[in-house]
């Protein structure tokens, strides 16, 4: 979903190798194991 949105076209550039060490593509993202709050932004409106 983040790639689908890609407002800055960063994922597109990372997939083409134009951006290195991009989180989620060639650099890891470690999700919180015990966050204080989780917001599913793909399911909720901003409001």
ModelCIF file with pLDDT and N, C-alpha, C, O atoms, coordinates in Angstrom:
data_MODEL
#
_entry.id   MODEL 
#
_entity.id                         1 
_entity.type                       polymer 
_entity.pdbx_number_of_molecules   1 
#
_entity_poly.entity_id                      1 
_entity_poly.type                           'polypeptide(L)' 
_entity_poly.nstd_linkage                   no 
_entity_poly.nstd_monomer                   no 
_entity_poly.pdbx_seq_one_letter_code       
;(UNK)(UNK)(UNK)(UNK)(UNK)(UNK)(UNK)(UNK)(UNK)(UNK)(UNK)(UNK)(UNK)(UNK)(UNK)(UNK)
(UNK)(UNK)(UNK)(UNK)(UNK)(UNK)(UNK)(UNK)(UNK)(UNK)(UNK)(UNK)(UNK)(UNK)(UNK)(UNK)
(UNK)(UNK)(UNK)(UNK)(UNK)(UNK)(UNK)(UNK)(UNK)(UNK)(UNK)(UNK)(UNK)(UNK)(UNK)
;
_entity_poly.pdbx_seq_one_letter_code_can   XXXXXXXXXXXXXXXXXXXXXXXXXXXXXXXXXXXXXXXXXXXXXXX 
_entity_poly.pdbx_strand_id                 A 
#
loop_
_entity_poly_seq.entity_id 
_entity_poly_seq.num 
_entity_poly_seq.mon_id 
_entity_poly_seq.hetero 
1 1  UNK n 
1 2  UNK n 
1 3  UNK n 
1 4  UNK n 
1 5  UNK n 
1 6  UNK n 
1 7  UNK n 
1 8  UNK n 
1 9  UNK n 
1 10 UNK n 
1 11 UNK n 
1 12 UNK n 
1 13 UNK n 
1 14 UNK n 
1 15 UNK n 
1 16 UNK n 
1 17 UNK n 
1 18 UNK n 
1 19 UNK n 
1 20 UNK n 
1 21 UNK n 
1 22 UNK n 
1 23 UNK n 
1 24 UNK n 
1 25 UNK n 
1 26 UNK n 
1 27 UNK n 
1 28 UNK n 
1 29 UNK n 
1 30 UNK n 
1 31 UNK n 
1 32 UNK n 
1 33 UNK n 
1 34 UNK n 
1 35 UNK n 
1 36 UNK n 
1 37 UNK n 
1 38 UNK n 
1 39 UNK n 
1 40 UNK n 
1 41 UNK n 
1 42 UNK n 
1 43 UNK n 
1 44 UNK n 
1 45 UNK n 
1 46 UNK n 
1 47 UNK n 
#
_struct_asym.id          A 
_struct_asym.entity_id   1 
#
loop_
_ma_qa_metric.id 
_ma_qa_metric.mode 
_ma_qa_metric.name 
_ma_qa_metric.software_group_id 
_ma_qa_metric.type 
1 global pLDDT . pLDDT 
2 local  pLDDT . pLDDT 
#
_ma_qa_metric_global.metric_id      1 
_ma_qa_metric_global.metric_value   93.81 
_ma_qa_metric_global.model_id       1 
_ma_qa_metric_global.ordinal_id     1 
#
loop_
_ma_qa_metric_local.label_asym_id 
_ma_qa_metric_local.label_comp_id 
_ma_qa_metric_local.label_seq_id 
_ma_qa_metric_local.metric_id 
_ma_qa_metric_local.metric_value 
_ma_qa_metric_local.model_id 
_ma_qa_metric_local.ordinal_id 
A UNK 1  2 96.00 1 1  
A UNK 2  2 95.00 1 2  
A UNK 3  2 95.00 1 3  
A UNK 4  2 94.00 1 4  
A UNK 5  2 93.00 1 5  
A UNK 6  2 88.00 1 6  
A UNK 7  2 81.00 1 7  
A UNK 8  2 85.00 1 8  
A UNK 9  2 92.00 1 9  
A UNK 10 2 93.00 1 10 
A UNK 11 2 94.00 1 11 
A UNK 12 2 93.00 1 12 
A UNK 13 2 94.00 1 13 
A UNK 14 2 93.00 1 14 
A UNK 15 2 94.00 1 15 
A UNK 16 2 93.00 1 16 
A UNK 17 2 92.00 1 17 
A UNK 18 2 94.00 1 18 
A UNK 19 2 91.00 1 19 
A UNK 20 2 89.00 1 20 
A UNK 21 2 87.00 1 21 
A UNK 22 2 92.00 1 22 
A UNK 23 2 92.00 1 23 
A UNK 24 2 91.00 1 24 
A UNK 25 2 94.00 1 25 
A UNK 26 2 89.00 1 26 
A UNK 27 2 89.00 1 27 
A UNK 28 2 92.00 1 28 
A UNK 29 2 95.00 1 29 
A UNK 30 2 96.00 1 30 
A UNK 31 2 96.00 1 31 
A UNK 32 2 97.00 1 32 
A UNK 33 2 95.00 1 33 
A UNK 34 2 96.00 1 34 
A UNK 35 2 98.00 1 35 
A UNK 36 2 98.00 1 36 
A UNK 37 2 98.00 1 37 
A UNK 38 2 98.00 1 38 
A UNK 39 2 98.00 1 39 
A UNK 40 2 98.00 1 40 
A UNK 41 2 97.00 1 41 
A UNK 42 2 96.00 1 42 
A UNK 43 2 97.00 1 43 
A UNK 44 2 98.00 1 44 
A UNK 45 2 97.00 1 45 
A UNK 46 2 98.00 1 46 
A UNK 47 2 98.00 1 47 
#
loop_
_atom_site.group_PDB 
_atom_site.id 
_atom_site.type_symbol 
_atom_site.label_atom_id 
_atom_site.label_alt_id 
_atom_site.label_comp_id 
_atom_site.label_asym_id 
_atom_site.label_entity_id 
_atom_site.label_seq_id 
_atom_site.pdbx_PDB_ins_code 
_atom_site.Cartn_x 
_atom_site.Cartn_y 
_atom_site.Cartn_z 
_atom_site.occupancy 
_atom_site.B_iso_or_equiv 
_atom_site.pdbx_formal_charge 
_atom_site.auth_seq_id 
_atom_site.auth_comp_id 
_atom_site.auth_asym_id 
_atom_site.auth_atom_id 
_atom_site.pdbx_PDB_model_num 
ATOM 1   N N  . UNK A 1 1  ? 0.832   -1.207 0.000   1.00 96.00 ? 1  UNK A N  1 
ATOM 2   C CA . UNK A 1 1  ? 0.000   0.000  0.000   1.00 96.00 ? 1  UNK A CA 1 
ATOM 3   C C  . UNK A 1 1  ? 0.864   1.255  0.000   1.00 96.00 ? 1  UNK A C  1 
ATOM 4   O O  . UNK A 1 1  ? 0.538   2.235  -0.669  1.00 96.00 ? 1  UNK A O  1 
ATOM 5   N N  . UNK A 1 2  ? 1.961   1.228  0.744   1.00 95.00 ? 2  UNK A N  1 
ATOM 6   C CA . UNK A 1 2  ? 2.875   2.374  0.761   1.00 95.00 ? 2  UNK A CA 1 
ATOM 7   C C  . UNK A 1 2  ? 3.458   2.610  -0.631  1.00 95.00 ? 2  UNK A C  1 
ATOM 8   O O  . UNK A 1 2  ? 3.581   3.749  -1.081  1.00 95.00 ? 2  UNK A O  1 
ATOM 9   N N  . UNK A 1 3  ? 3.813   1.524  -1.299  1.00 95.00 ? 3  UNK A N  1 
ATOM 10  C CA . UNK A 1 3  ? 4.346   1.641  -2.670  1.00 95.00 ? 3  UNK A CA 1 
ATOM 11  C C  . UNK A 1 3  ? 3.282   2.147  -3.625  1.00 95.00 ? 3  UNK A C  1 
ATOM 12  O O  . UNK A 1 3  ? 3.581   2.903  -4.549  1.00 95.00 ? 3  UNK A O  1 
ATOM 13  N N  . UNK A 1 4  ? 2.046   1.736  -3.409  1.00 94.00 ? 4  UNK A N  1 
ATOM 14  C CA . UNK A 1 4  ? 0.946   2.191  -4.261  1.00 94.00 ? 4  UNK A CA 1 
ATOM 15  C C  . UNK A 1 4  ? 0.736   3.693  -4.117  1.00 94.00 ? 4  UNK A C  1 
ATOM 16  O O  . UNK A 1 4  ? 0.478   4.397  -5.093  1.00 94.00 ? 4  UNK A O  1 
ATOM 17  N N  . UNK A 1 5  ? 0.853   4.167  -2.880  1.00 93.00 ? 5  UNK A N  1 
ATOM 18  C CA . UNK A 1 5  ? 0.690   5.600  -2.631  1.00 93.00 ? 5  UNK A CA 1 
ATOM 19  C C  . UNK A 1 5  ? 1.894   6.365  -3.185  1.00 93.00 ? 5  UNK A C  1 
ATOM 20  O O  . UNK A 1 5  ? 1.754   7.252  -4.028  1.00 93.00 ? 5  UNK A O  1 
ATOM 21  N N  . UNK A 1 6  ? 3.072   6.000  -2.694  1.00 88.00 ? 6  UNK A N  1 
ATOM 22  C CA . UNK A 1 6  ? 4.369   6.557  -3.119  1.00 88.00 ? 6  UNK A CA 1 
ATOM 23  C C  . UNK A 1 6  ? 4.283   8.025  -3.536  1.00 88.00 ? 6  UNK A C  1 
ATOM 24  O O  . UNK A 1 6  ? 4.587   8.352  -4.684  1.00 88.00 ? 6  UNK A O  1 
ATOM 25  N N  . UNK A 1 7  ? 3.874   8.920  -2.623  1.00 81.00 ? 7  UNK A N  1 
ATOM 26  C CA . UNK A 1 7  ? 3.661   10.321 -2.992  1.00 81.00 ? 7  UNK A CA 1 
ATOM 27  C C  . UNK A 1 7  ? 4.911   11.034 -3.505  1.00 81.00 ? 7  UNK A C  1 
ATOM 28  O O  . UNK A 1 7  ? 4.812   11.975 -4.292  1.00 81.00 ? 7  UNK A O  1 
ATOM 29  N N  . UNK A 1 8  ? 6.081   10.588 -3.062  1.00 85.00 ? 8  UNK A N  1 
ATOM 30  C CA . UNK A 1 8  ? 7.331   11.242 -3.482  1.00 85.00 ? 8  UNK A CA 1 
ATOM 31  C C  . UNK A 1 8  ? 8.068   10.441 -4.560  1.00 85.00 ? 8  UNK A C  1 
ATOM 32  O O  . UNK A 1 8  ? 9.168   10.810 -4.973  1.00 85.00 ? 8  UNK A O  1 
ATOM 33  N N  . UNK A 1 9  ? 7.453   9.338  -5.013  1.00 92.00 ? 9  UNK A N  1 
ATOM 34  C CA . UNK A 1 9  ? 8.058   8.465  -6.030  1.00 92.00 ? 9  UNK A CA 1 
ATOM 35  C C  . UNK A 1 9  ? 9.388   7.877  -5.561  1.00 92.00 ? 9  UNK A C  1 
ATOM 36  O O  . UNK A 1 9  ? 10.268  7.584  -6.370  1.00 92.00 ? 9  UNK A O  1 
ATOM 37  N N  . UNK A 1 10 ? 9.523   7.709  -4.248  1.00 93.00 ? 10 UNK A N  1 
ATOM 38  C CA . UNK A 1 10 ? 10.777  7.199  -3.700  1.00 93.00 ? 10 UNK A CA 1 
ATOM 39  C C  . UNK A 1 10 ? 10.907  5.692  -3.904  1.00 93.00 ? 10 UNK A C  1 
ATOM 40  O O  . UNK A 1 10 ? 11.983  5.195  -4.237  1.00 93.00 ? 10 UNK A O  1 
ATOM 41  N N  . UNK A 1 11 ? 9.817   4.976  -3.705  1.00 94.00 ? 11 UNK A N  1 
ATOM 42  C CA . UNK A 1 11 ? 9.883   3.524  -3.915  1.00 94.00 ? 11 UNK A CA 1 
ATOM 43  C C  . UNK A 1 11 ? 10.229  3.215  -5.376  1.00 94.00 ? 11 UNK A C  1 
ATOM 44  O O  . UNK A 1 11 ? 11.012  2.312  -5.671  1.00 94.00 ? 11 UNK A O  1 
ATOM 45  N N  . UNK A 1 12 ? 9.629   3.980  -6.266  1.00 93.00 ? 12 UNK A N  1 
ATOM 46  C CA . UNK A 1 12 ? 9.892   3.792  -7.690  1.00 93.00 ? 12 UNK A CA 1 
ATOM 47  C C  . UNK A 1 12 ? 11.375  3.976  -7.994  1.00 93.00 ? 12 UNK A C  1 
ATOM 48  O O  . UNK A 1 12 ? 11.967  3.205  -8.750  1.00 93.00 ? 12 UNK A O  1 
ATOM 49  N N  . UNK A 1 13 ? 11.968  5.010  -7.393  1.00 94.00 ? 13 UNK A N  1 
ATOM 50  C CA . UNK A 1 13 ? 13.395  5.261  -7.605  1.00 94.00 ? 13 UNK A CA 1 
ATOM 51  C C  . UNK A 1 13 ? 14.240  4.174  -6.944  1.00 94.00 ? 13 UNK A C  1 
ATOM 52  O O  . UNK A 1 13 ? 15.252  3.746  -7.499  1.00 94.00 ? 13 UNK A O  1 
ATOM 53  N N  . UNK A 1 14 ? 13.822  3.733  -5.762  1.00 93.00 ? 14 UNK A N  1 
ATOM 54  C CA . UNK A 1 14 ? 14.572  2.684  -5.054  1.00 93.00 ? 14 UNK A CA 1 
ATOM 55  C C  . UNK A 1 14 ? 14.538  1.371  -5.831  1.00 93.00 ? 14 UNK A C  1 
ATOM 56  O O  . UNK A 1 14 ? 15.541  0.661  -5.901  1.00 93.00 ? 14 UNK A O  1 
ATOM 57  N N  . UNK A 1 15 ? 13.405  1.057  -6.404  1.00 94.00 ? 15 UNK A N  1 
ATOM 58  C CA . UNK A 1 15 ? 13.289  -0.177 -7.189  1.00 94.00 ? 15 UNK A CA 1 
ATOM 59  C C  . UNK A 1 15 ? 14.196  -0.129 -8.422  1.00 94.00 ? 15 UNK A C  1 
ATOM 60  O O  . UNK A 1 15 ? 14.672  -1.161 -8.894  1.00 94.00 ? 15 UNK A O  1 
ATOM 61  N N  . UNK A 1 16 ? 14.427  1.070  -8.932  1.00 93.00 ? 16 UNK A N  1 
ATOM 62  C CA . UNK A 1 16 ? 15.299  1.228  -10.097 1.00 93.00 ? 16 UNK A CA 1 
ATOM 63  C C  . UNK A 1 16 ? 16.765  1.336  -9.698  1.00 93.00 ? 16 UNK A C  1 
ATOM 64  O O  . UNK A 1 16 ? 17.641  1.422  -10.559 1.00 93.00 ? 16 UNK A O  1 
ATOM 65  N N  . UNK A 1 17 ? 17.033  1.332  -8.397  1.00 92.00 ? 17 UNK A N  1 
ATOM 66  C CA . UNK A 1 17 ? 18.405  1.422  -7.922  1.00 92.00 ? 17 UNK A CA 1 
ATOM 67  C C  . UNK A 1 17 ? 18.950  2.831  -7.845  1.00 92.00 ? 17 UNK A C  1 
ATOM 68  O O  . UNK A 1 17 ? 20.149  3.028  -7.648  1.00 92.00 ? 17 UNK A O  1 
ATOM 69  N N  . UNK A 1 18 ? 18.071  3.822  -8.000  1.00 94.00 ? 18 UNK A N  1 
ATOM 70  C CA . UNK A 1 18 ? 18.508  5.221  -7.960  1.00 94.00 ? 18 UNK A CA 1 
ATOM 71  C C  . UNK A 1 18 ? 18.686  5.727  -6.528  1.00 94.00 ? 18 UNK A C  1 
ATOM 72  O O  . UNK A 1 18 ? 19.403  6.701  -6.295  1.00 94.00 ? 18 UNK A O  1 
ATOM 73  N N  . UNK A 1 19 ? 18.038  5.070  -5.577  1.00 91.00 ? 19 UNK A N  1 
ATOM 74  C CA . UNK A 1 19 ? 18.190  5.399  -4.162  1.00 91.00 ? 19 UNK A CA 1 
ATOM 75  C C  . UNK A 1 19 ? 18.668  4.147  -3.438  1.00 91.00 ? 19 UNK A C  1 
ATOM 76  O O  . UNK A 1 19 ? 18.057  3.084  -3.543  1.00 91.00 ? 19 UNK A O  1 
ATOM 77  N N  . UNK A 1 20 ? 19.767  4.284  -2.703  1.00 89.00 ? 20 UNK A N  1 
ATOM 78  C CA . UNK A 1 20 ? 20.311  3.158  -1.952  1.00 89.00 ? 20 UNK A CA 1 
ATOM 79  C C  . UNK A 1 20 ? 19.902  3.253  -0.483  1.00 89.00 ? 20 UNK A C  1 
ATOM 80  O O  . UNK A 1 20 ? 19.574  4.330  0.016   1.00 89.00 ? 20 UNK A O  1 
ATOM 81  N N  . UNK A 1 21 ? 19.929  2.115  0.195   1.00 87.00 ? 21 UNK A N  1 
ATOM 82  C CA . UNK A 1 21 ? 19.606  2.038  1.621   1.00 87.00 ? 21 UNK A CA 1 
ATOM 83  C C  . UNK A 1 21 ? 18.207  2.580  1.904   1.00 87.00 ? 21 UNK A C  1 
ATOM 84  O O  . UNK A 1 21 ? 17.994  3.299  2.880   1.00 87.00 ? 21 UNK A O  1 
ATOM 85  N N  . UNK A 1 22 ? 17.256  2.226  1.038   1.00 92.00 ? 22 UNK A N  1 
ATOM 86  C CA . UNK A 1 22 ? 15.887  2.708  1.215   1.00 92.00 ? 22 UNK A CA 1 
ATOM 87  C C  . UNK A 1 22 ? 15.099  1.711  2.050   1.00 92.00 ? 22 UNK A C  1 
ATOM 88  O O  . UNK A 1 22 ? 15.018  0.528  1.719   1.00 92.00 ? 22 UNK A O  1 
ATOM 89  N N  . UNK A 1 23 ? 14.523  2.205  3.135   1.00 92.00 ? 23 UNK A N  1 
ATOM 90  C CA . UNK A 1 23 ? 13.808  1.339  4.072   1.00 92.00 ? 23 UNK A CA 1 
ATOM 91  C C  . UNK A 1 23 ? 12.655  0.612  3.393   1.00 92.00 ? 23 UNK A C  1 
ATOM 92  O O  . UNK A 1 23 ? 11.830  1.213  2.705   1.00 92.00 ? 23 UNK A O  1 
ATOM 93  N N  . UNK A 1 24 ? 12.623  -0.686 3.607   1.00 91.00 ? 24 UNK A N  1 
ATOM 94  C CA . UNK A 1 24 ? 11.575  -1.519 3.037   1.00 91.00 ? 24 UNK A CA 1 
ATOM 95  C C  . UNK A 1 24 ? 11.981  -2.165 1.726   1.00 91.00 ? 24 UNK A C  1 
ATOM 96  O O  . UNK A 1 24 ? 11.354  -3.130 1.289   1.00 91.00 ? 24 UNK A O  1 
ATOM 97  N N  . UNK A 1 25 ? 13.033  -1.637 1.089   1.00 94.00 ? 25 UNK A N  1 
ATOM 98  C CA . UNK A 1 25 ? 13.496  -2.190 -0.183  1.00 94.00 ? 25 UNK A CA 1 
ATOM 99  C C  . UNK A 1 25 ? 14.849  -2.871 0.005   1.00 94.00 ? 25 UNK A C  1 
ATOM 100 O O  . UNK A 1 25 ? 14.943  -4.095 -0.088  1.00 94.00 ? 25 UNK A O  1 
ATOM 101 N N  . UNK A 1 26 ? 15.897  -2.089 0.268   1.00 89.00 ? 26 UNK A N  1 
ATOM 102 C CA . UNK A 1 26 ? 17.209  -2.704 0.498   1.00 89.00 ? 26 UNK A CA 1 
ATOM 103 C C  . UNK A 1 26 ? 17.781  -2.342 1.864   1.00 89.00 ? 26 UNK A C  1 
ATOM 104 O O  . UNK A 1 26 ? 18.975  -2.512 2.114   1.00 89.00 ? 26 UNK A O  1 
ATOM 105 N N  . UNK A 1 27 ? 16.922  -1.845 2.740   1.00 89.00 ? 27 UNK A N  1 
ATOM 106 C CA . UNK A 1 27 ? 17.297  -1.583 4.132   1.00 89.00 ? 27 UNK A CA 1 
ATOM 107 C C  . UNK A 1 27 ? 16.103  -1.980 4.996   1.00 89.00 ? 27 UNK A C  1 
ATOM 108 O O  . UNK A 1 27 ? 14.966  -1.657 4.655   1.00 89.00 ? 27 UNK A O  1 
ATOM 109 N N  . UNK A 1 28 ? 16.343  -2.678 6.112   1.00 92.00 ? 28 UNK A N  1 
ATOM 110 C CA . UNK A 1 28 ? 15.221  -3.236 6.875   1.00 92.00 ? 28 UNK A CA 1 
ATOM 111 C C  . UNK A 1 28 ? 14.427  -2.209 7.679   1.00 92.00 ? 28 UNK A C  1 
ATOM 112 O O  . UNK A 1 28 ? 14.937  -1.149 8.043   1.00 92.00 ? 28 UNK A O  1 
ATOM 113 N N  . UNK A 1 29 ? 13.177  -2.548 7.943   1.00 95.00 ? 29 UNK A N  1 
ATOM 114 C CA . UNK A 1 29 ? 12.355  -1.813 8.906   1.00 95.00 ? 29 UNK A CA 1 
ATOM 115 C C  . UNK A 1 29 ? 11.948  -2.793 9.994   1.00 95.00 ? 29 UNK A C  1 
ATOM 116 O O  . UNK A 1 29 ? 11.412  -3.862 9.704   1.00 95.00 ? 29 UNK A O  1 
ATOM 117 N N  . UNK A 1 30 ? 12.199  -2.432 11.238  1.00 96.00 ? 30 UNK A N  1 
ATOM 118 C CA . UNK A 1 30 ? 11.869  -3.293 12.377  1.00 96.00 ? 30 UNK A CA 1 
ATOM 119 C C  . UNK A 1 30 ? 10.621  -2.735 13.067  1.00 96.00 ? 30 UNK A C  1 
ATOM 120 O O  . UNK A 1 30 ? 10.712  -1.762 13.816  1.00 96.00 ? 30 UNK A O  1 
ATOM 121 N N  . UNK A 1 31 ? 9.459   -3.343 12.819  1.00 96.00 ? 31 UNK A N  1 
ATOM 122 C CA . UNK A 1 31 ? 8.217   -2.843 13.422  1.00 96.00 ? 31 UNK A CA 1 
ATOM 123 C C  . UNK A 1 31 ? 8.266   -2.941 14.944  1.00 96.00 ? 31 UNK A C  1 
ATOM 124 O O  . UNK A 1 31 ? 8.882   -3.862 15.479  1.00 96.00 ? 31 UNK A O  1 
ATOM 125 N N  . UNK A 1 32 ? 7.632   -2.014 15.647  1.00 97.00 ? 32 UNK A N  1 
ATOM 126 C CA . UNK A 1 32 ? 7.582   -2.112 17.115  1.00 97.00 ? 32 UNK A CA 1 
ATOM 127 C C  . UNK A 1 32 ? 6.889   -3.398 17.548  1.00 97.00 ? 32 UNK A C  1 
ATOM 128 O O  . UNK A 1 32 ? 5.851   -3.768 17.000  1.00 97.00 ? 32 UNK A O  1 
ATOM 129 N N  . UNK A 1 33 ? 7.464   -4.069 18.526  1.00 95.00 ? 33 UNK A N  1 
ATOM 130 C CA . UNK A 1 33 ? 6.844   -5.285 19.046  1.00 95.00 ? 33 UNK A CA 1 
ATOM 131 C C  . UNK A 1 33 ? 5.745   -4.957 20.048  1.00 95.00 ? 33 UNK A C  1 
ATOM 132 O O  . UNK A 1 33 ? 4.746   -5.668 20.156  1.00 95.00 ? 33 UNK A O  1 
ATOM 133 N N  . UNK A 1 34 ? 5.951   -3.863 20.779  1.00 96.00 ? 34 UNK A N  1 
ATOM 134 C CA . UNK A 1 34 ? 4.970   -3.476 21.792  1.00 96.00 ? 34 UNK A CA 1 
ATOM 135 C C  . UNK A 1 34 ? 4.728   -1.966 21.742  1.00 96.00 ? 34 UNK A C  1 
ATOM 136 O O  . UNK A 1 34 ? 5.049   -1.259 22.698  1.00 96.00 ? 34 UNK A O  1 
ATOM 137 N N  . UNK A 1 35 ? 4.172   -1.468 20.647  1.00 98.00 ? 35 UNK A N  1 
ATOM 138 C CA . UNK A 1 35 ? 3.922   -0.019 20.564  1.00 98.00 ? 35 UNK A CA 1 
ATOM 139 C C  . UNK A 1 35 ? 2.866   0.403  21.575  1.00 98.00 ? 35 UNK A C  1 
ATOM 140 O O  . UNK A 1 35 ? 2.038   -0.405 21.994  1.00 98.00 ? 35 UNK A O  1 
ATOM 141 N N  . UNK A 1 36 ? 2.900   1.651  21.958  1.00 98.00 ? 36 UNK A N  1 
ATOM 142 C CA . UNK A 1 36 ? 1.892   2.166  22.878  1.00 98.00 ? 36 UNK A CA 1 
ATOM 143 C C  . UNK A 1 36 ? 0.540   2.298  22.185  1.00 98.00 ? 36 UNK A C  1 
ATOM 144 O O  . UNK A 1 36 ? -0.512  2.229  22.821  1.00 98.00 ? 36 UNK A O  1 
ATOM 145 N N  . UNK A 1 37 ? 0.591   2.490  20.876  1.00 98.00 ? 37 UNK A N  1 
ATOM 146 C CA . UNK A 1 37 ? -0.633  2.596  20.086  1.00 98.00 ? 37 UNK A CA 1 
ATOM 147 C C  . UNK A 1 37 ? -0.305  2.218  18.642  1.00 98.00 ? 37 UNK A C  1 
ATOM 148 O O  . UNK A 1 37 ? 0.753   2.582  18.128  1.00 98.00 ? 37 UNK A O  1 
ATOM 149 N N  . UNK A 1 38 ? -1.199  1.497  17.999  1.00 98.00 ? 38 UNK A N  1 
ATOM 150 C CA . UNK A 1 38 ? -1.043  1.171  16.586  1.00 98.00 ? 38 UNK A CA 1 
ATOM 151 C C  . UNK A 1 38 ? -2.188  1.785  15.798  1.00 98.00 ? 38 UNK A C  1 
ATOM 152 O O  . UNK A 1 38 ? -3.357  1.635  16.153  1.00 98.00 ? 38 UNK A O  1 
ATOM 153 N N  . UNK A 1 39 ? -1.837  2.474  14.729  1.00 98.00 ? 39 UNK A N  1 
ATOM 154 C CA . UNK A 1 39 ? -2.832  3.064  13.837  1.00 98.00 ? 39 UNK A CA 1 
ATOM 155 C C  . UNK A 1 39 ? -2.714  2.383  12.479  1.00 98.00 ? 39 UNK A C  1 
ATOM 156 O O  . UNK A 1 39 ? -1.676  2.486  11.825  1.00 98.00 ? 39 UNK A O  1 
ATOM 157 N N  . UNK A 1 40 ? -3.750  1.700  12.055  1.00 98.00 ? 40 UNK A N  1 
ATOM 158 C CA . UNK A 1 40 ? -3.756  1.068  10.733  1.00 98.00 ? 40 UNK A CA 1 
ATOM 159 C C  . UNK A 1 40 ? -4.205  2.117  9.720   1.00 98.00 ? 40 UNK A C  1 
ATOM 160 O O  . UNK A 1 40 ? -5.397  2.301  9.475   1.00 98.00 ? 40 UNK A O  1 
ATOM 161 N N  . UNK A 1 41 ? -3.234  2.791  9.148   1.00 97.00 ? 41 UNK A N  1 
ATOM 162 C CA . UNK A 1 41 ? -3.554  3.913  8.266   1.00 97.00 ? 41 UNK A CA 1 
ATOM 163 C C  . UNK A 1 41 ? -4.140  3.475  6.929   1.00 97.00 ? 41 UNK A C  1 
ATOM 164 O O  . UNK A 1 41 ? -4.654  4.302  6.175   1.00 97.00 ? 41 UNK A O  1 
ATOM 165 N N  . UNK A 1 42 ? -4.064  2.181  6.631   1.00 96.00 ? 42 UNK A N  1 
ATOM 166 C CA . UNK A 1 42 ? -4.694  1.685  5.403   1.00 96.00 ? 42 UNK A CA 1 
ATOM 167 C C  . UNK A 1 42 ? -6.168  1.368  5.620   1.00 96.00 ? 42 UNK A C  1 
ATOM 168 O O  . UNK A 1 42 ? -6.902  1.119  4.664   1.00 96.00 ? 42 UNK A O  1 
ATOM 169 N N  . UNK A 1 43 ? -6.595  1.378  6.871   1.00 97.00 ? 43 UNK A N  1 
ATOM 170 C CA . UNK A 1 43 ? -7.979  1.041  7.191   1.00 97.00 ? 43 UNK A CA 1 
ATOM 171 C C  . UNK A 1 43 ? -8.776  2.218  7.747   1.00 97.00 ? 43 UNK A C  1 
ATOM 172 O O  . UNK A 1 43 ? -10.005 2.232  7.679   1.00 97.00 ? 43 UNK A O  1 
ATOM 173 N N  . UNK A 1 44 ? -8.071  3.202  8.296   1.00 98.00 ? 44 UNK A N  1 
ATOM 174 C CA . UNK A 1 44 ? -8.744  4.338  8.928   1.00 98.00 ? 44 UNK A CA 1 
ATOM 175 C C  . UNK A 1 44 ? -8.592  5.601  8.091   1.00 98.00 ? 44 UNK A C  1 
ATOM 176 O O  . UNK A 1 44 ? -7.571  5.801  7.433   1.00 98.00 ? 44 UNK A O  1 
ATOM 177 N N  . UNK A 1 45 ? -9.603  6.439  8.119   1.00 97.00 ? 45 UNK A N  1 
ATOM 178 C CA . UNK A 1 45 ? -9.475  7.757  7.511   1.00 97.00 ? 45 UNK A CA 1 
ATOM 179 C C  . UNK A 1 45 ? -8.597  8.610  8.432   1.00 97.00 ? 45 UNK A C  1 
ATOM 180 O O  . UNK A 1 45 ? -8.345  8.233  9.576   1.00 97.00 ? 45 UNK A O  1 
ATOM 181 N N  . UNK A 1 46 ? -8.138  9.743  7.937   1.00 98.00 ? 46 UNK A N  1 
ATOM 182 C CA . UNK A 1 46 ? -7.332  10.637 8.778   1.00 98.00 ? 46 UNK A CA 1 
ATOM 183 C C  . UNK A 1 46 ? -8.137  11.042 10.002  1.00 98.00 ? 46 UNK A C  1 
ATOM 184 O O  . UNK A 1 46 ? -7.605  11.057 11.112  1.00 98.00 ? 46 UNK A O  1 
ATOM 185 N N  . UNK A 1 47 ? -9.405  11.370 9.821   1.00 98.00 ? 47 UNK A N  1 
ATOM 186 C CA . UNK A 1 47 ? -10.251 11.806 10.935  1.00 98.00 ? 47 UNK A CA 1 
ATOM 187 C C  . UNK A 1 47 ? -10.410 10.700 11.974  1.00 98.00 ? 47 UNK A C  1 
ATOM 188 O O  . UNK A 1 47 ? -11.091 10.893 12.981  1.00 98.00 ? 47 UNK A O  1 
#
